[in-house]
Amino acid sequence: MTTLPADSHVHSEFSWDTGGPDSPARGTMEATCARAVRIGLPALFFTEHLDLEDAWFTDPADFADHERHLLDAEGRVAVPRFDADGYFESIERCRAAFPQLRIGTGLEFGQPHLRAEAARQQLDLDRFDRIIGSLHTLPVGERRHEPDTLFRRMPAEEVIRRYLAEVPALVAGDEPFEIVTHLDYALRYWPEEQEGPVDPRRFEEEFRTALRAVAESGRALEMNTRRLWPWMPQWWSEEGGCAISFGSDAHTAAALAHGFPEAMAMVEAFGFRPGPDPRDLWRR
């Protein structure tokens, strides 16, 4: 039986968008670890959200019920401070309770190219085993918005192109993240009812430019299994990408390692192979 790779993108009650310990939307660290053992997942990284934007605005309709208390009257998002001490205490409890599971620490650092200094002022980033970098927001004037909000305010194609155009800036510096996560993030919110199904080939040049920038930075690319795109590992390998991780982006225990067998088969077709440890990046 083929060993599953580590799920390198997992959230628990310590991520602000799961709603905390009393929210029905939460995915608790303990429940997620228990599920990992049940499904035979050998390792995972709890990569909790670290979002430090001070000018991030959203439409209330784009936040779930358990998140809307974070918005002020203007739609500014006020993310609570990450509880690092509580997080590491919970990690140690779970390591003791599930000794057969390799539990890594981590962060999903939003817009690290803009917020690295703010992050260092709050946290000792060296304490974390794996930091993944994400691009969640785009600038419009003095404010930043997520793609789902922007799709209401500008042509859909422009949102995708703006998103991909910022990726080279995301990876241009030496900010402390080793993996770029969900490069298809803007595609998640494509307004299919108005625009019809999205054809990523319309944006192939822009995707390839973004992928090339990630590869040249020496970072790995995440195969985010919320949606599997066979062109992603193909274009990644053709643009010089040498390493990948697998991430479910799970916010509940049930979503852990979703689609991993299919994703493994897909990337193997483009020459990526596992290392000896399930926590290793796959390389070609």
C-alpha atoms as a PDB file:
ATOM      1  CA  MET A   1       0.000   0.000   0.000  1.00  0.00           C
ATOM      2  CA  THR A   2       1.375   3.418  -0.976  1.00  0.00           C
ATOM      3  CA  THR A   3       2.126   5.683   1.972  1.00  0.00           C
ATOM      4  CA  LEU A   4       0.249   8.954   1.937  1.00  0.00           C
ATOM      5  CA  PRO A   5       2.361  12.115   2.106  1.00  0.00           C
ATOM      6  CA  ALA A   6       1.996  14.569   4.946  1.00  0.00           C
ATOM      7  CA  ASP A   7      -0.878  16.983   4.707  1.00  0.00           C
ATOM      8  CA  SER A   8       1.084  20.233   4.811  1.00  0.00           C
ATOM      9  CA  HIS A   9      -1.886  22.599   4.982  1.00  0.00           C
ATOM     10  CA  VAL A  10      -4.251  21.950   7.894  1.00  0.00           C
ATOM     11  CA  HIS A  11      -6.189  24.343  10.149  1.00  0.00           C
ATOM     12  CA  SER A  12      -7.577  23.876  13.639  1.00  0.00           C
ATOM     13  CA  GLU A  13      -9.427  25.958  16.224  1.00  0.00           C
ATOM     14  CA  PHE A  14      -6.344  28.201  16.337  1.00  0.00           C
ATOM     15  CA  SER A  15      -7.115  29.612  12.891  1.00  0.00           C
ATOM     16  CA  TRP A  16      -9.392  32.626  13.075  1.00  0.00           C
ATOM     17  CA  ASP A  17     -11.665  31.492  10.230  1.00  0.00           C
ATOM     18  CA  THR A  18     -12.684  28.261  11.933  1.00  0.00           C
ATOM     19  CA  GLY A  19     -14.606  30.316  14.461  1.00  0.00           C
ATOM     20  CA  GLY A  20     -12.841  29.218  17.620  1.00  0.00           C
ATOM     21  CA  PRO A  21     -13.633  26.372  20.044  1.00  0.00           C
ATOM     22  CA  ASP A  22     -17.374  27.073  20.254  1.00  0.00           C
ATOM     23  CA  SER A  23     -18.069  27.292  16.533  1.00  0.00           C
ATOM     24  CA  PRO A  24     -19.825  24.482  14.640  1.00  0.00           C
ATOM     25  CA  ALA A  25     -17.483  25.271  11.729  1.00  0.00           C
ATOM     26  CA  ARG A  26     -14.372  24.446  13.720  1.00  0.00           C
ATOM     27  CA  GLY A  27     -11.914  21.684  13.042  1.00  0.00           C
ATOM     28  CA  THR A  28     -10.241  20.957  16.359  1.00  0.00           C
ATOM     29  CA  MET A  29      -6.675  19.808  16.540  1.00  0.00           C
ATOM     30  CA  GLU A  30      -7.598  16.721  18.562  1.00  0.00           C
ATOM     31  CA  ALA A  31     -10.403  15.642  16.197  1.00  0.00           C
ATOM     32  CA  THR A  32      -8.169  16.162  13.181  1.00  0.00           C
ATOM     33  CA  CYS A  33      -5.389  14.056  14.691  1.00  0.00           C
ATOM     34  CA  ALA A  34      -7.854  11.290  15.512  1.00  0.00           C
ATOM     35  CA  ARG A  35      -9.059  11.268  11.912  1.00  0.00           C
ATOM     36  CA  ALA A  36      -5.497  11.193  10.614  1.00  0.00           C
ATOM     37  CA  VAL A  37      -4.877   8.014  12.567  1.00  0.00           C
ATOM     38  CA  ARG A  38      -8.138   6.466  11.314  1.00  0.00           C
ATOM     39  CA  ILE A  39      -7.361   7.104   7.641  1.00  0.00           C
ATOM     40  CA  GLY A  40      -3.704   6.104   7.867  1.00  0.00           C
ATOM     41  CA  LEU A  41      -2.228   9.567   7.318  1.00  0.00           C
ATOM     42  CA  PRO A  42       1.297   9.354   8.771  1.00  0.00           C
ATOM     43  CA  ALA A  43       1.984  13.064   9.230  1.00  0.00           C
ATOM     44  CA  LEU A  44       0.473  16.531   9.083  1.00  0.00           C
ATOM     45  CA  PHE A  45       1.348  20.146   9.729  1.00  0.00           C
ATOM     46  CA  PHE A  46      -1.062  22.462  11.523  1.00  0.00           C
ATOM     47  CA  THR A  47      -0.514  25.620   9.468  1.00  0.00           C
ATOM     48  CA  GLU A  48      -2.670  28.176  11.235  1.00  0.00           C
ATOM     49  CA  HIS A  49      -3.590  31.468   9.632  1.00  0.00           C
ATOM     50  CA  LEU A  50      -1.309  34.407  10.287  1.00  0.00           C
ATOM     51  CA  ASP A  51      -3.017  37.423   8.684  1.00  0.00           C
ATOM     52  CA  LEU A  52      -1.689  40.816   9.717  1.00  0.00           C
ATOM     53  CA  GLU A  53      -3.377  43.151   7.222  1.00  0.00           C
ATOM     54  CA  ASP A  54      -4.349  46.591   8.498  1.00  0.00           C
ATOM     55  CA  ALA A  55      -6.347  47.663   5.437  1.00  0.00           C
ATOM     56  CA  TRP A  56      -8.250  44.529   4.484  1.00  0.00           C
ATOM     57  CA  PHE A  57     -11.910  45.021   3.609  1.00  0.00           C
ATOM     58  CA  THR A  58     -14.591  42.594   2.520  1.00  0.00           C
ATOM     59  CA  ASP A  59     -18.273  42.481   1.745  1.00  0.00           C
ATOM     60  CA  PRO A  60     -20.254  40.887   4.617  1.00  0.00           C
ATOM     61  CA  ALA A  61     -21.715  38.383   2.146  1.00  0.00           C
ATOM     62  CA  ASP A  62     -18.215  36.971   1.631  1.00  0.00           C
ATOM     63  CA  PHE A  63     -17.823  35.961   5.255  1.00  0.00           C
ATOM     64  CA  ALA A  64     -19.637  33.062   6.885  1.00  0.00           C
ATOM     65  CA  ASP A  65     -21.861  33.651   9.915  1.00  0.00           C
ATOM     66  CA  HIS A  66     -19.141  32.646  12.362  1.00  0.00           C
ATOM     67  CA  GLU A  67     -16.733  35.193  10.822  1.00  0.00           C
ATOM     68  CA  ARG A  68     -18.906  38.293  10.487  1.00  0.00           C
ATOM     69  CA  HIS A  69     -18.234  39.512  14.008  1.00  0.00           C
ATOM     70  CA  LEU A  70     -14.728  40.310  12.749  1.00  0.00           C
ATOM     71  CA  LEU A  71     -16.047  43.070  10.447  1.00  0.00           C
ATOM     72  CA  ASP A  72     -16.623  46.680  11.437  1.00  0.00           C
ATOM     73  CA  ALA A  73     -19.283  48.940   9.904  1.00  0.00           C
ATOM     74  CA  GLU A  74     -17.045  49.714   6.902  1.00  0.00           C
ATOM     75  CA  GLY A  75     -16.248  46.056   6.241  1.00  0.00           C
ATOM     76  CA  ARG A  76     -12.717  46.223   7.634  1.00  0.00           C
ATOM     77  CA  VAL A  77     -11.509  42.816   8.814  1.00  0.00           C
ATOM     78  CA  ALA A  78     -10.080  42.707  12.340  1.00  0.00           C
ATOM     79  CA  VAL A  79      -8.344  39.354  12.766  1.00  0.00           C
ATOM     80  CA  PRO A  80      -7.655  38.341  16.384  1.00  0.00           C
ATOM     81  CA  ARG A  81      -4.068  37.855  17.469  1.00  0.00           C
ATOM     82  CA  PHE A  82      -2.746  34.335  16.969  1.00  0.00           C
ATOM     83  CA  ASP A  83      -2.585  32.462  20.289  1.00  0.00           C
ATOM     84  CA  ALA A  84       0.888  30.985  19.906  1.00  0.00           C
ATOM     85  CA  ASP A  85       1.185  29.767  23.500  1.00  0.00           C
ATOM     86  CA  GLY A  86      -2.169  27.971  23.376  1.00  0.00           C
ATOM     87  CA  TYR A  87      -1.283  26.529  19.989  1.00  0.00           C
ATOM     88  CA  PHE A  88       2.015  25.011  21.093  1.00  0.00           C
ATOM     89  CA  GLU A  89       0.438  23.637  24.266  1.00  0.00           C
ATOM     90  CA  SER A  90      -2.227  21.910  22.169  1.00  0.00           C
ATOM     91  CA  ILE A  91       0.429  20.549  19.801  1.00  0.00           C
ATOM     92  CA  GLU A  92       2.257  18.937  22.722  1.00  0.00           C
ATOM     93  CA  ARG A  93      -0.961  17.421  24.084  1.00  0.00           C
ATOM     94  CA  CYS A  94      -1.759  15.921  20.700  1.00  0.00           C
ATOM     95  CA  ARG A  95       1.767  14.582  20.249  1.00  0.00           C
ATOM     96  CA  ALA A  96       1.404  12.806  23.581  1.00  0.00           C
ATOM     97  CA  ALA A  97      -2.089  11.495  22.734  1.00  0.00           C
ATOM     98  CA  PHE A  98      -1.219  10.338  19.194  1.00  0.00           C
ATOM     99  CA  PRO A  99       2.387   9.112  19.303  1.00  0.00           C
ATOM    100  CA  GLN A 100       1.990   7.221  16.013  1.00  0.00           C
ATOM    101  CA  LEU A 101       1.260  10.479  14.163  1.00  0.00           C
ATOM    102  CA  ARG A 102       4.009  12.921  13.224  1.00  0.00           C
ATOM    103  CA  ILE A 103       2.587  16.329  14.056  1.00  0.00           C
ATOM    104  CA  GLY A 104       4.409  19.328  12.671  1.00  0.00           C
ATOM    105  CA  THR A 105       3.928  22.973  13.550  1.00  0.00           C
ATOM    106  CA  GLY A 106       3.333  25.642  10.982  1.00  0.00           C
ATOM    107  CA  LEU A 107       1.754  28.837   9.755  1.00  0.00           C
ATOM    108  CA  GLU A 108      -0.108  29.911   6.666  1.00  0.00           C
ATOM    109  CA  PHE A 109       1.344  33.389   6.379  1.00  0.00           C
ATOM    110  CA  GLY A 110      -0.904  35.694   4.369  1.00  0.00           C
ATOM    111  CA  GLN A 111       0.882  38.279   2.184  1.00  0.00           C
ATOM    112  CA  PRO A 112       4.325  37.565   3.712  1.00  0.00           C
ATOM    113  CA  HIS A 113       5.994  39.934   1.246  1.00  0.00           C
ATOM    114  CA  LEU A 114       4.123  42.785   2.952  1.00  0.00           C
ATOM    115  CA  ARG A 115       3.988  41.639   6.572  1.00  0.00           C
ATOM    116  CA  ALA A 116       7.256  39.888   7.430  1.00  0.00           C
ATOM    117  CA  GLU A 117       8.434  42.538   9.890  1.00  0.00           C
ATOM    118  CA  ALA A 118       5.053  42.663  11.629  1.00  0.00           C
ATOM    119  CA  ALA A 119       5.133  38.886  11.965  1.00  0.00           C
ATOM    120  CA  ARG A 120       8.607  38.921  13.502  1.00  0.00           C
ATOM    121  CA  GLN A 121       7.453  41.470  16.053  1.00  0.00           C
ATOM    122  CA  GLN A 122       4.658  39.137  17.181  1.00  0.00           C
ATOM    123  CA  LEU A 123       6.238  35.695  16.879  1.00  0.00           C
ATOM    124  CA  ASP A 124       9.459  33.739  16.867  1.00  0.00           C
ATOM    125  CA  LEU A 125       9.040  32.305  13.372  1.00  0.00           C
ATOM    126  CA  ASP A 126      11.917  29.889  13.942  1.00  0.00           C
ATOM    127  CA  ARG A 127       9.676  27.902  16.332  1.00  0.00           C
ATOM    128  CA  PHE A 128       7.608  26.613  13.402  1.00  0.00           C
ATOM    129  CA  ASP A 129       8.501  23.548  11.348  1.00  0.00           C
ATOM    130  CA  ARG A 130       6.856  24.657   8.102  1.00  0.00           C
ATOM    131  CA  ILE A 131       5.654  28.064   6.913  1.00  0.00           C
ATOM    132  CA  ILE A 132       3.586  28.305   3.765  1.00  0.00           C
ATOM    133  CA  GLY A 133       2.977  31.612   2.023  1.00  0.00           C
ATOM    134  CA  SER A 134      -0.372  32.626   0.608  1.00  0.00           C
ATOM    135  CA  LEU A 135      -1.810  35.496  -1.382  1.00  0.00           C
ATOM    136  CA  HIS A 136      -5.346  36.182  -0.176  1.00  0.00           C
ATOM    137  CA  THR A 137      -5.829  39.882  -0.926  1.00  0.00           C
ATOM    138  CA  LEU A 138      -5.177  42.353  -3.730  1.00  0.00           C
ATOM    139  CA  PRO A 139      -4.744  46.133  -3.575  1.00  0.00           C
ATOM    140  CA  VAL A 140      -7.378  48.512  -4.888  1.00  0.00           C
ATOM    141  CA  GLY A 141      -6.371  52.031  -3.949  1.00  0.00           C
ATOM    142  CA  GLU A 142      -5.551  52.186  -0.243  1.00  0.00           C
ATOM    143  CA  ARG A 143      -7.460  49.010   0.558  1.00  0.00           C
ATOM    144  CA  ARG A 144      -6.965  45.317  -0.033  1.00  0.00           C
ATOM    145  CA  HIS A 145      -9.766  42.901  -0.917  1.00  0.00           C
ATOM    146  CA  GLU A 146     -10.145  39.163  -1.435  1.00  0.00           C
ATOM    147  CA  PRO A 147     -10.944  37.935  -4.955  1.00  0.00           C
ATOM    148  CA  ASP A 148     -14.548  37.004  -4.124  1.00  0.00           C
ATOM    149  CA  THR A 149     -15.237  40.631  -3.241  1.00  0.00           C
ATOM    150  CA  LEU A 150     -13.388  41.943  -6.290  1.00  0.00           C
ATOM    151  CA  PHE A 151     -15.390  39.778  -8.690  1.00  0.00           C
ATOM    152  CA  ARG A 152     -18.347  42.047  -7.878  1.00  0.00           C
ATOM    153  CA  ARG A 153     -16.365  45.181  -8.619  1.00  0.00           C
ATOM    154  CA  MET A 154     -14.391  44.517 -11.784  1.00  0.00           C
ATOM    155  CA  PRO A 155     -14.342  42.142 -14.764  1.00  0.00           C
ATOM    156  CA  ALA A 156     -13.642  38.550 -13.802  1.00  0.00           C
ATOM    157  CA  GLU A 157     -10.646  38.196 -16.102  1.00  0.00           C
ATOM    158  CA  GLU A 158      -9.063  41.285 -14.561  1.00  0.00           C
ATOM    159  CA  VAL A 159      -9.305  39.780 -11.074  1.00  0.00           C
ATOM    160  CA  ILE A 160      -7.478  36.620 -12.162  1.00  0.00           C
ATOM    161  CA  ARG A 161      -4.804  38.574 -14.003  1.00  0.00           C
ATOM    162  CA  ARG A 162      -4.275  40.961 -11.089  1.00  0.00           C
ATOM    163  CA  TYR A 163      -3.943  38.035  -8.722  1.00  0.00           C
ATOM    164  CA  LEU A 164      -1.338  36.245 -10.817  1.00  0.00           C
ATOM    165  CA  ALA A 165       0.533  39.483 -11.505  1.00  0.00           C
ATOM    166  CA  GLU A 166       1.236  39.896  -7.778  1.00  0.00           C
ATOM    167  CA  VAL A 167       2.774  36.430  -7.372  1.00  0.00           C
ATOM    168  CA  PRO A 168       6.265  37.515  -8.537  1.00  0.00           C
ATOM    169  CA  ALA A 169       6.260  40.175  -5.813  1.00  0.00           C
ATOM    170  CA  LEU A 170       5.131  37.563  -3.273  1.00  0.00           C
ATOM    171  CA  VAL A 171       8.231  35.464  -3.917  1.00  0.00           C
ATOM    172  CA  ALA A 172      10.799  38.123  -4.856  1.00  0.00           C
ATOM    173  CA  GLY A 173      12.253  38.538  -1.381  1.00  0.00           C
ATOM    174  CA  ASP A 174      13.698  36.288   1.296  1.00  0.00           C
ATOM    175  CA  GLU A 175      10.639  36.170   3.538  1.00  0.00           C
ATOM    176  CA  PRO A 176      10.562  33.003   5.682  1.00  0.00           C
ATOM    177  CA  PHE A 177       8.217  30.685   3.797  1.00  0.00           C
ATOM    178  CA  GLU A 178       9.208  27.647   1.799  1.00  0.00           C
ATOM    179  CA  ILE A 179       5.983  26.768  -0.026  1.00  0.00           C
ATOM    180  CA  VAL A 180       3.533  28.828  -2.080  1.00  0.00           C
ATOM    181  CA  THR A 181       0.033  27.624  -1.387  1.00  0.00           C
ATOM    182  CA  HIS A 182      -3.141  27.536  -3.524  1.00  0.00           C
ATOM    183  CA  LEU A 183      -1.923  29.426  -6.573  1.00  0.00           C
ATOM    184  CA  ASP A 184      -5.425  28.853  -7.938  1.00  0.00           C
ATOM    185  CA  TYR A 185      -6.974  30.783  -5.030  1.00  0.00           C
ATOM    186  CA  ALA A 186      -8.721  33.361  -7.209  1.00  0.00           C
ATOM    187  CA  LEU A 187     -10.183  30.605  -9.381  1.00  0.00           C
ATOM    188  CA  ARG A 188     -12.060  29.278  -6.330  1.00  0.00           C
ATOM    189  CA  TYR A 189     -14.381  32.253  -6.490  1.00  0.00           C
ATOM    190  CA  TRP A 190     -14.841  32.499 -10.241  1.00  0.00           C
ATOM    191  CA  PRO A 191     -18.433  33.781 -10.789  1.00  0.00           C
ATOM    192  CA  GLU A 192     -19.624  30.816 -12.806  1.00  0.00           C
ATOM    193  CA  GLU A 193     -23.277  31.878 -12.818  1.00  0.00           C
ATOM    194  CA  GLN A 194     -22.397  35.063 -14.663  1.00  0.00           C
ATOM    195  CA  GLU A 195     -19.323  33.969 -16.616  1.00  0.00           C
ATOM    196  CA  GLY A 196     -19.830  30.247 -17.189  1.00  0.00           C
ATOM    197  CA  PRO A 197     -17.220  27.614 -16.298  1.00  0.00           C
ATOM    198  CA  VAL A 198     -13.678  28.925 -16.072  1.00  0.00           C
ATOM    199  CA  ASP A 199     -11.113  27.729 -18.591  1.00  0.00           C
ATOM    200  CA  PRO A 200      -7.673  28.217 -17.004  1.00  0.00           C
ATOM    201  CA  ARG A 201      -6.059  28.040 -20.435  1.00  0.00           C
ATOM    202  CA  ARG A 202      -7.349  31.587 -20.968  1.00  0.00           C
ATOM    203  CA  PHE A 203      -4.768  32.573 -18.355  1.00  0.00           C
ATOM    204  CA  GLU A 204      -1.987  30.158 -19.277  1.00  0.00           C
ATOM    205  CA  GLU A 205       0.594  32.847 -19.959  1.00  0.00           C
ATOM    206  CA  GLU A 206      -0.115  34.540 -16.624  1.00  0.00           C
ATOM    207  CA  PHE A 207      -0.049  31.251 -14.707  1.00  0.00           C
ATOM    208  CA  ARG A 208       3.221  30.261 -16.327  1.00  0.00           C
ATOM    209  CA  THR A 209       4.789  33.612 -15.460  1.00  0.00           C
ATOM    210  CA  ALA A 210       3.716  33.188 -11.838  1.00  0.00           C
ATOM    211  CA  LEU A 211       4.931  29.588 -11.703  1.00  0.00           C
ATOM    212  CA  ARG A 212       8.275  30.569 -13.208  1.00  0.00           C
ATOM    213  CA  ALA A 213       8.730  33.225 -10.532  1.00  0.00           C
ATOM    214  CA  VAL A 214       7.995  30.695  -7.781  1.00  0.00           C
ATOM    215  CA  ALA A 215      10.452  28.207  -9.289  1.00  0.00           C
ATOM    216  CA  GLU A 216      13.181  30.835  -9.618  1.00  0.00           C
ATOM    217  CA  SER A 217      12.725  31.756  -5.956  1.00  0.00           C
ATOM    218  CA  GLY A 218      13.662  28.190  -4.994  1.00  0.00           C
ATOM    219  CA  ARG A 219      10.366  27.588  -3.240  1.00  0.00           C
ATOM    220  CA  ALA A 220       8.039  24.619  -3.567  1.00  0.00           C
ATOM    221  CA  LEU A 221       4.494  24.707  -4.917  1.00  0.00           C
ATOM    222  CA  GLU A 222       1.540  23.261  -3.058  1.00  0.00           C
ATOM    223  CA  MET A 223      -0.843  20.917  -4.819  1.00  0.00           C
ATOM    224  CA  ASN A 224      -3.960  22.158  -3.092  1.00  0.00           C
ATOM    225  CA  THR A 225      -6.444  19.305  -3.256  1.00  0.00           C
ATOM    226  CA  ARG A 226      -9.612  21.348  -2.871  1.00  0.00           C
ATOM    227  CA  ARG A 227      -9.604  21.168  -6.651  1.00  0.00           C
ATOM    228  CA  LEU A 228      -7.233  19.089  -8.750  1.00  0.00           C
ATOM    229  CA  TRP A 229      -5.941  20.666 -11.935  1.00  0.00           C
ATOM    230  CA  PRO A 230      -3.719  18.395 -14.087  1.00  0.00           C
ATOM    231  CA  TRP A 231      -2.277  21.445 -15.841  1.00  0.00           C
ATOM    232  CA  MET A 232      -0.858  22.732 -12.544  1.00  0.00           C
ATOM    233  CA  PRO A 233       1.916  20.124 -12.087  1.00  0.00           C
ATOM    234  CA  GLN A 234       2.471  20.056 -15.849  1.00  0.00           C
ATOM    235  CA  TRP A 235       3.049  23.793 -16.155  1.00  0.00           C
ATOM    236  CA  TRP A 236       4.982  23.810 -12.872  1.00  0.00           C
ATOM    237  CA  SER A 237       7.432  21.201 -14.127  1.00  0.00           C
ATOM    238  CA  GLU A 238       7.728  22.873 -17.544  1.00  0.00           C
ATOM    239  CA  GLU A 239       8.531  26.227 -15.907  1.00  0.00           C
ATOM    240  CA  GLY A 240      11.340  24.775 -13.795  1.00  0.00           C
ATOM    241  CA  GLY A 241       9.527  23.744 -10.627  1.00  0.00           C
ATOM    242  CA  CYS A 242      11.313  20.957  -8.796  1.00  0.00           C
ATOM    243  CA  ALA A 243       9.405  20.419  -5.536  1.00  0.00           C
ATOM    244  CA  ILE A 244       5.819  20.150  -4.372  1.00  0.00           C
ATOM    245  CA  SER A 245       3.846  19.622  -1.194  1.00  0.00           C
ATOM    246  CA  PHE A 246       0.309  18.330  -0.745  1.00  0.00           C
ATOM    247  CA  GLY A 247      -2.263  20.371   1.133  1.00  0.00           C
ATOM    248  CA  SER A 248      -5.951  19.800   1.737  1.00  0.00           C
ATOM    249  CA  ASP A 249      -6.485  23.255   3.279  1.00  0.00           C
ATOM    250  CA  ALA A 250      -8.725  21.397   5.726  1.00  0.00           C
ATOM    251  CA  HIS A 251     -10.677  23.519   8.195  1.00  0.00           C
ATOM    252  CA  THR A 252     -12.557  20.489   9.550  1.00  0.00           C
ATOM    253  CA  ALA A 253     -11.388  16.996  10.401  1.00  0.00           C
ATOM    254  CA  ALA A 254     -13.506  15.476   7.631  1.00  0.00           C
ATOM    255  CA  ALA A 255     -11.601  17.380   4.936  1.00  0.00           C
ATOM    256  CA  LEU A 256      -8.176  16.127   5.989  1.00  0.00           C
ATOM    257  CA  ALA A 257      -6.129  14.667   3.099  1.00  0.00           C
ATOM    258  CA  HIS A 258      -9.090  15.000   0.747  1.00  0.00           C
ATOM    259  CA  GLY A 259      -8.118  13.918  -2.779  1.00  0.00           C
ATOM    260  CA  PHE A 260      -4.601  12.820  -1.866  1.00  0.00           C
ATOM    261  CA  PRO A 261      -4.522   9.492  -3.778  1.00  0.00           C
ATOM    262  CA  GLU A 262      -5.683  11.252  -6.940  1.00  0.00           C
ATOM    263  CA  ALA A 263      -3.208  14.099  -6.436  1.00  0.00           C
ATOM    264  CA  MET A 264      -0.335  11.656  -5.905  1.00  0.00           C
ATOM    265  CA  ALA A 265      -1.124   9.847  -9.155  1.00  0.00           C
ATOM    266  CA  MET A 266      -1.446  13.154 -10.978  1.00  0.00           C
ATOM    267  CA  VAL A 267       1.951  14.540  -9.950  1.00  0.00           C
ATOM    268  CA  GLU A 268       3.728  11.227 -10.476  1.00  0.00           C
ATOM    269  CA  ALA A 269       2.710  11.501 -14.136  1.00  0.00           C
ATOM    270  CA  PHE A 270       4.917  14.601 -14.341  1.00  0.00           C
ATOM    271  CA  GLY A 271       7.964  13.076 -12.693  1.00  0.00           C
ATOM    272  CA  PHE A 272       7.549  13.998  -9.028  1.00  0.00           C
ATOM    273  CA  ARG A 273       8.532  11.346  -6.505  1.00  0.00           C
ATOM    274  CA  PRO A 274       8.345  11.057  -2.695  1.00  0.00           C
ATOM    275  CA  GLY A 275      11.296  11.135  -0.349  1.00  0.00           C
ATOM    276  CA  PRO A 276      11.987   8.575   2.375  1.00  0.00           C
ATOM    277  CA  ASP A 277      10.021  10.536   4.999  1.00  0.00           C
ATOM    278  CA  PRO A 278       6.323  11.325   4.384  1.00  0.00           C
ATOM    279  CA  ARG A 279       7.038  14.867   5.553  1.00  0.00           C
ATOM    280  CA  ASP A 280       9.498  15.362   2.687  1.00  0.00           C
ATOM    281  CA  LEU A 281       8.607  17.458  -0.311  1.00  0.00           C
ATOM    282  CA  TRP A 282       8.111  15.463  -3.504  1.00  0.00           C
ATOM    283  CA  ARG A 283      10.828  16.219  -6.044  1.00  0.00           C
ATOM    284  CA  ARG A 284      11.723  15.448  -9.605  1.00  0.00           C
END
